[in-house]
Structures are given as C-alpha cells and as structure tokens.
Amino acid sequence: MDDPRRRVPRTDIAMADPALVAAAEQLGPALVKAAVVAAQAHARAGDILPEQVVAYAVASLPDSVTTLRRVLNATGVVLHTNLGRAPLSAAAVEALTVAAGYVDVEFDVADGSRARRGRGTLAALRAAVPDAEDVLTVNNGAAALVLATTTLAAGREVVVSRGEMVEIGDGFRLPDLILSTGARIREVGTTNRTHLRDYADAVGPDTGCVLKVHPSNFRVEGFTSEVGTAELAGLGAPLVVDIGSGLLAPHPLLPDEPDARTALRAGADLVTASGDKLLGGPQAGLLLGRGEVVERLRRHPLARALRVDKLTLAAFEATLRGPQTPTWRALTADPDGLRTRCEALASALVAAGAPAEVVASDGAVGGGGAPGLGLPGWAVALPESYAPRLRAGRPCVVGRVERGRCLLDLRCVPENDDERVLDAVRACTS
C-alpha cells in the first residue's frame, strides 16, 4: 500500500523552497528548520497532507526573530507600562536604524580624536530645558534617582517626606532604592501632612540632600499639606526633585503635573525624570540642574554603569528635535474625531455580524502620570469574550475589559491601523 508518509519531503528539499530560503535569510536557518520539522511531524501524523508541509511551515513562522509581538493598544491608556510605555515617533525609529551600524557616538570625525559621548543628544536636551545649566542621561528614571542619591548622600542622610515614600511598579519601593545606595533615610512629617519646619528640624551637618518626590501614581485628598520646591530650596542642603513623568515645561492639559522648568526656576539643584513617559521617547533617565551638581554625577563611577547605549541616544535626540510624538498626539486627540472613527468601525462590525456599539469612554495618561485625570473620548464596546481572542490574534489587539465588556478605544491606535482592528474583530466573529 502507498503510505502517504513516504511523500513527506526531506528537510533539505523543503528548506530549498524559495519561500523558506527567503524566510531563512530574514529569520535565520535554525528557526526555519524547526518550523519545517514541526510541519513534517504534522504530515506524518496525518494532520496535513505531505504536499502542504512547506506552506504549513511558512504560515507558522513569526513575523520577526524577536519574541516581542507588535500590539495595537486599544486600551485608551497612553503610557501603558506593560505595553512598553511611549511608542516612538517615525523620526526616532529612523534614528535607531542609523545608530544600528557604526556611528560617531564617541568619535570626532573632524580630527579623528575621541569625543564626548552622546554630545548631540545632550545638546538637544539642554536646548529643550534652557533653565538647566547642565544635563545628563542614564538608562531609566530609577537609575537617575540612584545616581543622584549615591553621589550626594552615600553614607549620609536623605531627608524625605513620609507622604512621598512611594512604591512604584512591580513592588519596587523608594525607601529600598535609596537604602541600596548606602544613604540613610530621614523621614519627616506624616503621611498626609508635612510642613517646612519638619524639613528644617531634620536638615543638619549629616544631610546629603533633601528629596522631593512626585507621588505620580496616586493622589492624597482631604486634610493634606506639602512643602513646595521654592521653600525647600532655602534650607541650605542640595535639593533633588523627582518629577517622574518627564514633563519638561508646563502644559494646560496637565495643570497639576510637575515639570522640569518650574522646578528648576523654583530653586531645585537637580531634577530627575523619565524619558519614556510624557516626553514620548525611549527608556531613559534625565538629570537636569546646576552645572556643579551634574558634573559631580557625571564623574561618579556609577555613571559609567548606568549610561545609555547608542540606540537610546539616537532615538532620544530624534524625539527632542523631531516632530510631535505619538504620545502627545494620543494625549491631545480630538474627542469628536475619535467618535467618528469609532462609529465607522462599529458600523462595519455590525455589518459583519459583530454586536458592536459606540460608548463614551475616558482614556488615561498612564505610566504614573496625571493620576485621576480622564481624557474624554469614545470606544467600541463588544462582549467581553472578544478580549482574549483579540489578544491571541494577528494582529494582537489589546482592549480594556470593563463591566463585562471589551472596549476598543482608538486613542492610541494610529488611524491607518483602524482597518487592521476591523479585520481582527471580524476574524473573531466568523
């Protein structure tokens, strides 16, 4: 009898197929070979015909070598930490491509000598924050705070309000971060109220710095009080202000969000922040402030361990110099325009048999920025059962599950991807 398994193509013959040759050039031969072997096993088990091995292998291959999947963020949360926070601008993506090869990151092409690392990026940051005498970048916001407290207060005290002893994502706590630098914490005030006299009583010869932290992912309301930057600047100790979200100057959309310019003008010696939040760039930590303080940080041995790579430098400079970022386009999206897009999507889905409707839905800044601030908008509501199927699809669409519904908020979805969202939902409906 003719056994179909005899017709299963050998691995070398399957790998010679033009489609798999092209895939091997993009993804590497090991990954493609594994897909062929898996397809051969399915053919031998009778799940597919032997003639379908190549097509099955091609269909099972990923879009790229990385295991990271591109996600369409339909949650309405602009800076979604679990989805990578700020999406980069086209200018930043292009800069990454340039930096992927050999570049003059620490080289002066004019005279052939070594040059200051990332000088173009630092110049762009200084231009964006002219109130800072000098600037420095490290690899994330927590690293900026670690470098600051290590340099200024290792073996000494960091004076900080109890109401600002925050916990950030994944259980990381500010007190633990500070203690890891070799500094001692001098807590002042209470959870809800701290006064200038509390700081003044604590500052002394053993004070390394006074630290003011923006409690970015929560709000305390009611019987509260805190001390402003201008008042703390008069205590005679170095003042470090961690604004968190990376807002460089005041913005009317975020009236309660601290910004670097205001803090520096109020007398902060050093401002620390993240680059991948409101600034809309790659992950980075920003240190902005008095020239003497920043230079001390730059010369500390820890700065070498925390420095950013050439890819980050390139993407960050392009973010600072380039056009409006996707983050700010999403933050300032016109509610009427969002409603029009949602209505078009819902109409097409209803025609395809999906039980879709348009509902009012507030977006959020996310990433620890502007807690409690709603961004007025709209969403397409589907049954909750759509959520896991959309996440498992290609493309992967992540919506927000709320009160038994799957909400697809298009605020963070590029308009030219609306059709892809439509196709993804249709695939779940059929």
Protein backbone atom coordinates (compact mmCIF):
# COMPACT_ATOMS: atom_id res chain seq x y z
CA MET A 1 0.00 0.00 0.00
CA ASP A 2 1.07 3.57 -0.70
CA ASP A 3 1.94 5.18 2.65
CA PRO A 4 1.43 9.00 2.43
CA ARG A 5 4.26 9.44 4.91
CA ARG A 6 6.69 8.39 2.15
CA ARG A 7 5.74 11.60 0.30
CA VAL A 8 6.75 13.89 3.19
CA PRO A 9 9.59 15.99 1.74
CA ARG A 10 13.06 15.67 3.24
CA THR A 11 14.19 18.60 5.35
CA ASP A 12 16.86 19.74 2.87
CA ILE A 13 14.39 19.65 -0.02
CA ALA A 14 11.78 21.63 1.92
CA MET A 15 14.40 24.16 3.03
CA ALA A 16 15.34 24.71 -0.64
CA ASP A 17 11.87 26.05 -1.41
CA PRO A 18 12.20 29.76 -2.40
CA ALA A 19 9.73 30.89 0.27
CA LEU A 20 11.71 29.16 3.01
CA VAL A 21 15.04 30.32 1.60
CA ALA A 22 13.78 33.92 1.87
CA ALA A 23 12.48 33.25 5.37
CA ALA A 24 15.85 31.82 6.45
CA GLU A 25 17.59 34.98 5.28
CA GLN A 26 15.26 37.08 7.44
CA LEU A 27 14.77 34.83 10.47
CA GLY A 28 17.80 32.54 10.43
CA PRO A 29 18.03 28.89 9.30
CA ALA A 30 17.57 27.38 12.77
CA LEU A 31 14.13 28.91 13.25
CA VAL A 32 13.01 27.95 9.75
CA LYS A 33 14.31 24.40 10.12
CA ALA A 34 12.38 23.99 13.36
CA ALA A 35 9.19 25.07 11.55
CA VAL A 36 9.85 22.52 8.78
CA VAL A 37 10.45 19.71 11.25
CA ALA A 38 7.21 20.58 13.06
CA ALA A 39 5.33 20.61 9.75
CA GLN A 40 6.79 17.22 8.81
CA ALA A 41 5.60 15.81 12.14
CA HIS A 42 2.07 17.06 11.43
CA ALA A 43 2.17 15.45 7.99
CA ARG A 44 3.34 12.11 9.39
CA ALA A 45 0.55 12.26 11.96
CA GLY A 46 -1.98 12.80 9.19
CA ASP A 47 -2.94 16.33 10.31
CA ILE A 48 -1.91 17.82 6.94
CA LEU A 49 -1.09 16.43 3.53
CA PRO A 50 2.59 15.87 2.69
CA GLU A 51 2.23 18.42 -0.13
CA GLN A 52 1.26 21.05 2.49
CA VAL A 53 4.47 20.84 4.54
CA VAL A 54 6.13 23.91 3.02
CA ALA A 55 3.01 26.06 3.17
CA TYR A 56 2.33 24.98 6.76
CA ALA A 57 5.91 25.78 7.77
CA VAL A 58 5.74 29.22 6.13
CA ALA A 59 2.42 30.01 7.83
CA SER A 60 3.78 29.02 11.26
CA LEU A 61 6.80 31.33 11.09
CA PRO A 62 6.80 34.51 13.19
CA ASP A 63 6.95 37.95 11.61
CA SER A 64 10.38 38.61 13.12
CA VAL A 65 13.13 36.94 15.14
CA THR A 66 12.18 38.68 18.39
CA THR A 67 9.57 37.08 20.61
CA LEU A 68 8.12 40.53 21.25
CA ARG A 69 4.84 40.96 19.41
CA ARG A 70 3.58 44.18 17.93
CA VAL A 71 0.43 45.20 19.79
CA LEU A 72 -2.37 47.55 18.78
CA ASN A 73 -3.07 49.41 22.01
CA ALA A 74 -6.84 49.86 22.20
CA THR A 75 -6.92 50.25 25.99
CA GLY A 76 -7.11 54.04 25.95
CA VAL A 77 -4.09 54.18 28.30
CA VAL A 78 -1.48 56.28 26.51
CA LEU A 79 1.60 55.32 28.54
CA HIS A 80 0.79 51.68 29.23
CA THR A 81 3.80 50.33 31.14
CA ASN A 82 3.01 46.69 30.31
CA LEU A 83 2.88 47.57 26.61
CA GLY A 84 6.20 49.43 26.59
CA ARG A 85 5.03 52.94 27.52
CA ALA A 86 5.75 55.56 24.84
CA PRO A 87 5.64 54.42 21.20
CA LEU A 88 8.49 56.04 19.30
CA SER A 89 7.98 58.61 16.56
CA ALA A 90 8.88 57.81 12.96
CA ALA A 91 11.88 60.13 13.36
CA ALA A 92 13.10 58.16 16.38
CA VAL A 93 12.64 54.83 14.57
CA GLU A 94 14.68 56.16 11.64
CA ALA A 95 17.38 57.31 14.07
CA LEU A 96 17.52 53.78 15.52
CA THR A 97 18.24 52.44 12.05
CA VAL A 98 21.10 54.92 11.62
CA ALA A 99 22.55 54.04 15.03
CA ALA A 100 22.34 50.30 14.37
CA GLY A 101 25.60 50.48 12.42
CA TYR A 102 28.89 52.23 13.11
CA VAL A 103 28.30 55.82 14.26
CA ASP A 104 30.39 58.63 15.74
CA VAL A 105 28.93 58.17 19.23
CA GLU A 106 32.31 58.94 20.88
CA PHE A 107 34.37 59.99 17.88
CA ASP A 108 35.21 63.35 16.32
CA VAL A 109 35.35 62.73 12.57
CA ALA A 110 36.97 66.16 12.01
CA ASP A 111 40.24 65.44 13.80
CA GLY A 112 39.99 61.69 14.46
CA SER A 113 40.04 62.01 18.26
CA ARG A 114 37.78 60.73 20.97
CA ALA A 115 34.74 62.95 21.61
CA ARG A 116 32.19 63.35 24.39
CA ARG A 117 29.67 60.52 24.29
CA GLY A 118 26.21 61.50 23.05
CA ARG A 119 27.11 65.17 22.70
CA GLY A 120 24.34 65.81 20.15
CA THR A 121 21.71 64.28 22.40
CA LEU A 122 22.85 66.24 25.44
CA ALA A 123 22.86 69.46 23.39
CA ALA A 124 19.28 68.76 22.31
CA LEU A 125 18.24 68.17 25.93
CA ARG A 126 19.91 71.38 27.08
CA ALA A 127 18.10 73.27 24.34
CA ALA A 128 14.79 71.74 25.43
CA VAL A 129 15.39 72.74 29.07
CA PRO A 130 17.34 76.04 28.95
CA ASP A 131 16.86 76.57 32.71
CA ALA A 132 19.24 73.66 33.35
CA GLU A 133 22.92 74.61 33.44
CA ASP A 134 23.89 71.05 32.54
CA VAL A 135 22.20 67.75 31.76
CA LEU A 136 22.95 64.04 31.87
CA THR A 137 21.13 60.90 30.72
CA VAL A 138 21.15 57.41 32.24
CA ASN A 139 19.24 54.27 31.41
CA ASN A 140 15.95 54.89 33.29
CA GLY A 141 14.24 57.11 35.82
CA ALA A 142 15.10 54.92 38.81
CA ALA A 143 18.75 54.95 37.74
CA ALA A 144 18.68 58.76 37.69
CA LEU A 145 17.50 58.82 41.29
CA VAL A 146 20.02 56.16 42.33
CA LEU A 147 22.90 58.10 40.79
CA ALA A 148 21.75 61.34 42.42
CA THR A 149 21.38 59.92 45.94
CA THR A 150 24.56 57.85 45.68
CA THR A 151 26.62 60.85 44.60
CA LEU A 152 25.13 63.34 47.04
CA ALA A 153 24.26 61.24 50.07
CA ALA A 154 26.07 57.88 50.26
CA GLY A 155 26.89 57.41 53.95
CA ARG A 156 24.77 60.43 54.83
CA GLU A 157 21.06 61.24 55.17
CA VAL A 158 18.37 61.80 52.57
CA VAL A 159 15.58 63.91 54.04
CA VAL A 160 12.21 62.99 52.54
CA SER A 161 8.55 63.38 53.50
CA ARG A 162 6.69 60.28 54.70
CA GLY A 163 3.92 61.15 52.27
CA GLU A 164 6.37 60.73 49.38
CA MET A 165 7.77 57.31 50.30
CA VAL A 166 6.10 55.74 47.30
CA GLU A 167 6.05 52.28 45.79
CA ILE A 168 6.42 52.13 42.02
CA GLY A 169 5.69 49.25 39.64
CA ASP A 170 6.27 45.58 40.45
CA GLY A 171 6.74 46.21 44.16
CA PHE A 172 9.82 48.44 43.95
CA ARG A 173 9.79 50.91 46.82
CA LEU A 174 11.51 54.26 47.05
CA PRO A 175 12.95 53.58 50.55
CA ASP A 176 14.56 50.36 49.33
CA LEU A 177 16.00 52.16 46.32
CA ILE A 178 17.55 54.88 48.47
CA LEU A 179 18.93 52.47 51.06
CA SER A 180 20.62 50.47 48.30
CA THR A 181 22.81 53.50 47.58
CA GLY A 182 24.33 53.48 51.05
CA ALA A 183 22.39 56.52 52.16
CA ARG A 184 20.24 56.72 55.28
CA ILE A 185 16.63 57.88 55.12
CA ARG A 186 15.47 60.67 57.42
CA GLU A 187 11.67 60.64 57.24
CA VAL A 188 9.84 63.84 58.13
CA GLY A 189 6.18 64.79 58.56
CA THR A 190 3.28 62.39 58.31
CA THR A 191 1.55 60.51 55.54
CA ASN A 192 -0.89 63.32 54.78
CA ARG A 193 0.77 66.49 56.15
CA THR A 194 4.36 67.69 56.07
CA HIS A 195 5.45 71.23 56.95
CA LEU A 196 8.56 73.31 56.28
CA ARG A 197 9.54 73.12 59.94
CA ASP A 198 9.68 69.32 59.67
CA TYR A 199 12.36 69.60 56.99
CA ALA A 200 14.18 72.44 58.76
CA ASP A 201 14.42 70.44 62.00
CA ALA A 202 15.88 67.47 60.12
CA VAL A 203 18.47 69.26 57.98
CA GLY A 204 21.92 69.37 59.53
CA PRO A 205 25.61 68.58 59.01
CA ASP A 206 24.81 64.96 58.13
CA THR A 207 22.30 65.85 55.40
CA GLY A 208 23.38 64.70 51.96
CA CYS A 209 20.33 66.07 50.17
CA VAL A 210 16.66 66.88 50.54
CA LEU A 211 14.50 64.81 48.21
CA LYS A 212 11.07 65.81 46.95
CA VAL A 213 9.20 63.06 45.08
CA HIS A 214 6.09 63.45 42.99
CA PRO A 215 3.67 60.66 44.07
CA SER A 216 2.80 60.11 40.45
CA ASN A 217 0.55 57.04 40.61
CA PHE A 218 -1.82 58.11 43.40
CA ARG A 219 -3.44 61.15 44.99
CA VAL A 220 -4.00 62.04 48.64
CA GLU A 221 -7.02 64.29 49.17
CA GLY A 222 -8.63 65.94 52.18
CA PHE A 223 -6.64 67.19 55.18
CA THR A 224 -3.25 67.41 53.46
CA SER A 225 -0.28 69.73 53.10
CA GLU A 226 3.10 69.58 51.41
CA VAL A 227 6.06 71.90 51.05
CA GLY A 228 6.84 73.46 47.70
CA THR A 229 10.16 73.39 45.89
CA ALA A 230 10.84 77.10 46.43
CA GLU A 231 10.55 76.72 50.21
CA LEU A 232 12.77 73.64 50.30
CA ALA A 233 15.41 75.39 48.20
CA GLY A 234 16.08 77.76 51.09
CA LEU A 235 17.12 75.10 53.57
CA GLY A 236 20.80 75.15 52.61
CA ALA A 237 21.03 71.49 51.53
CA PRO A 238 21.17 70.19 47.93
CA LEU A 239 17.58 69.78 46.71
CA VAL A 240 16.69 66.91 44.38
CA VAL A 241 13.22 66.98 42.83
CA ASP A 242 11.98 63.79 41.17
CA ILE A 243 9.13 64.83 38.83
CA GLY A 244 8.77 61.31 37.48
CA SER A 245 6.84 61.68 34.25
CA GLY A 246 9.28 63.77 32.24
CA LEU A 247 7.16 66.85 31.53
CA LEU A 248 9.75 69.47 30.57
CA ALA A 249 7.55 72.57 30.75
CA PRO A 250 4.01 73.39 31.95
CA HIS A 251 1.17 72.22 29.73
CA PRO A 252 -2.52 73.24 30.01
CA LEU A 253 -3.67 69.65 29.52
CA LEU A 254 -1.82 68.62 32.70
CA PRO A 255 -2.14 71.55 35.11
CA ASP A 256 -1.27 69.51 38.21
CA GLU A 257 1.68 67.64 36.73
CA PRO A 258 5.11 68.88 37.92
CA ASP A 259 7.54 69.94 35.20
CA ALA A 260 11.29 70.44 34.98
CA ARG A 261 11.27 74.12 34.07
CA THR A 262 9.11 75.13 37.03
CA ALA A 263 11.14 73.05 39.49
CA LEU A 264 14.45 74.49 38.28
CA ARG A 265 13.17 78.05 38.39
CA ALA A 266 11.90 77.43 41.91
CA GLY A 267 15.43 76.55 43.04
CA ALA A 268 15.90 72.79 42.61
CA ASP A 269 19.56 71.88 42.35
CA LEU A 270 18.72 68.73 40.41
CA VAL A 271 15.61 67.42 38.66
CA THR A 272 15.25 63.73 37.79
CA ALA A 273 12.68 62.27 35.40
CA SER A 274 11.93 59.53 32.89
CA GLY A 275 12.32 59.88 29.13
CA ASP A 276 9.77 57.26 28.08
CA LYS A 277 6.71 58.84 29.65
CA LEU A 278 5.30 62.26 28.78
CA LEU A 279 8.40 63.14 26.81
CA GLY A 280 7.44 60.33 24.44
CA GLY A 281 10.91 58.90 23.88
CA PRO A 282 12.87 55.71 24.60
CA GLN A 283 13.53 54.47 28.12
CA ALA A 284 15.98 56.89 29.73
CA GLY A 285 16.59 58.74 32.97
CA LEU A 286 17.07 62.52 32.86
CA LEU A 287 19.20 64.55 35.25
CA LEU A 288 18.88 68.32 34.84
CA GLY A 289 20.26 71.04 37.06
CA ARG A 290 23.14 73.09 38.35
CA GLY A 291 26.38 72.57 36.47
CA GLU A 292 28.45 71.71 39.53
CA VAL A 293 25.95 69.08 40.71
CA VAL A 294 25.55 67.43 37.30
CA GLU A 295 29.32 67.32 36.84
CA ARG A 296 29.67 65.51 40.18
CA LEU A 297 27.18 62.93 38.95
CA ARG A 298 28.92 62.60 35.61
CA ARG A 299 32.28 61.88 37.28
CA HIS A 300 30.90 59.29 39.71
CA PRO A 301 31.96 55.71 38.84
CA LEU A 302 28.32 54.57 38.90
CA ALA A 303 27.53 56.84 35.94
CA ARG A 304 29.50 54.50 33.68
CA ALA A 305 27.39 51.52 34.71
CA LEU A 306 24.16 53.45 34.14
CA ARG A 307 24.98 55.12 30.83
CA VAL A 308 22.70 54.75 27.83
CA ASP A 309 23.67 52.99 24.61
CA LYS A 310 23.93 54.47 21.13
CA LEU A 311 20.42 53.36 20.15
CA THR A 312 18.85 55.22 23.06
CA LEU A 313 20.97 58.30 22.40
CA ALA A 314 19.84 58.38 18.77
CA ALA A 315 16.14 57.80 19.46
CA PHE A 316 16.14 60.29 22.33
CA GLU A 317 17.75 63.04 20.26
CA ALA A 318 15.26 62.46 17.45
CA THR A 319 12.42 62.66 19.99
CA LEU A 320 13.68 66.02 21.25
CA ARG A 321 14.43 67.53 17.86
CA GLY A 322 11.76 65.86 15.76
CA PRO A 323 8.01 66.28 15.18
CA GLN A 324 5.21 65.78 17.69
CA THR A 325 5.42 62.34 19.27
CA PRO A 326 2.69 59.66 19.13
CA THR A 327 2.32 60.17 22.89
CA TRP A 328 1.23 63.77 22.51
CA ARG A 329 -0.96 63.02 19.51
CA ALA A 330 -2.79 60.48 21.67
CA LEU A 331 -2.99 62.79 24.69
CA THR A 332 -4.45 65.64 22.64
CA ALA A 333 -6.65 63.55 20.34
CA ASP A 334 -9.90 65.32 19.39
CA PRO A 335 -12.88 63.55 21.04
CA ASP A 336 -15.11 64.26 18.03
CA GLY A 337 -12.54 62.71 15.73
CA LEU A 338 -12.33 59.64 17.98
CA ARG A 339 -16.10 59.31 17.93
CA THR A 340 -16.18 59.47 14.13
CA ARG A 341 -13.58 56.70 13.88
CA CYS A 342 -15.41 54.55 16.45
CA GLU A 343 -18.72 54.98 14.64
CA ALA A 344 -17.16 53.92 11.35
CA LEU A 345 -15.60 50.87 13.00
CA ALA A 346 -18.79 49.89 14.82
CA SER A 347 -20.89 50.27 11.66
CA ALA A 348 -18.57 47.96 9.74
CA LEU A 349 -18.57 45.43 12.57
CA VAL A 350 -22.34 45.36 12.86
CA ALA A 351 -22.49 44.70 9.11
CA ALA A 352 -20.11 41.79 9.68
CA GLY A 353 -22.32 40.35 12.41
CA ALA A 354 -20.48 41.61 15.49
CA PRO A 355 -22.61 43.08 18.34
CA ALA A 356 -20.74 46.41 18.44
CA GLU A 357 -21.83 49.80 19.77
CA VAL A 358 -20.16 53.14 20.42
CA VAL A 359 -19.95 54.28 24.05
CA ALA A 360 -18.38 57.23 25.86
CA SER A 361 -15.06 56.21 27.39
CA ASP A 362 -12.38 58.24 29.14
CA GLY A 363 -8.77 57.45 28.35
CA ALA A 364 -5.91 57.79 30.83
CA VAL A 365 -2.38 59.16 30.74
CA GLY A 366 -0.85 56.09 32.41
CA GLY A 367 2.77 55.47 33.33
CA GLY A 368 2.28 57.15 36.69
CA GLY A 369 1.38 60.46 35.05
CA ALA A 370 -1.56 62.68 35.99
CA PRO A 371 -3.38 60.17 38.23
CA GLY A 372 -7.14 60.63 38.16
CA LEU A 373 -7.14 62.74 35.00
CA GLY A 374 -9.62 61.46 32.43
CA LEU A 375 -9.10 62.03 28.71
CA PRO A 376 -12.60 62.39 27.20
CA GLY A 377 -13.19 60.02 24.32
CA TRP A 378 -15.14 57.11 22.86
CA ALA A 379 -14.79 53.38 22.38
CA VAL A 380 -16.37 50.48 20.54
CA ALA A 381 -17.99 48.09 23.01
CA LEU A 382 -18.04 44.34 22.31
CA PRO A 383 -18.88 41.34 24.50
CA GLU A 384 -16.10 40.52 26.97
CA SER A 385 -15.49 37.20 25.22
CA TYR A 386 -13.81 39.07 22.37
CA ALA A 387 -10.93 40.26 24.56
CA PRO A 388 -8.88 37.02 24.79
CA ARG A 389 -9.49 36.19 21.14
CA LEU A 390 -8.29 39.63 20.04
CA ARG A 391 -5.17 39.29 22.18
CA ALA A 392 -4.39 35.92 20.58
CA GLY A 393 -4.96 37.15 17.04
CA ARG A 394 -2.69 38.52 14.37
CA PRO A 395 -2.51 41.43 14.74
CA CYS A 396 -2.68 41.34 18.53
CA VAL A 397 -5.30 43.85 19.70
CA VAL A 398 -5.41 44.66 23.41
CA GLY A 399 -8.64 46.27 24.60
CA ARG A 400 -9.88 47.24 28.03
CA VAL A 401 -12.20 44.87 29.88
CA GLU A 402 -14.70 46.82 31.92
CA ARG A 403 -18.07 45.83 33.42
CA GLY A 404 -18.43 42.73 31.29
CA ARG A 405 -17.49 44.44 28.04
CA CYS A 406 -14.42 44.60 25.82
CA LEU A 407 -13.84 48.26 25.00
CA LEU A 408 -11.75 49.18 21.97
CA ASP A 409 -10.54 52.75 22.45
CA LEU A 410 -8.84 54.07 19.29
CA ARG A 411 -7.00 56.93 21.03
CA CYS A 412 -3.63 55.15 20.87
CA VAL A 413 -4.27 53.31 17.60
CA PRO A 414 -2.82 55.09 14.53
CA GLU A 415 -5.68 55.97 12.23
CA ASN A 416 -4.18 53.98 9.38
CA ASP A 417 -4.45 50.88 11.60
CA ASP A 418 -8.25 51.14 12.01
CA GLU A 419 -8.68 48.67 9.15
CA ARG A 420 -6.40 46.19 10.93
CA VAL A 421 -8.55 46.45 14.07
CA LEU A 422 -11.61 45.82 11.91
CA ASP A 423 -10.05 42.74 10.34
CA ALA A 424 -9.01 41.42 13.77
CA VAL A 425 -12.55 41.69 15.15
CA ARG A 426 -14.03 40.17 12.01
CA ALA A 427 -11.70 37.19 12.44
CA CYS A 428 -13.09 36.71 15.95
CA THR A 429 -16.67 37.00 14.70
CA SER A 430 -16.51 34.50 11.86
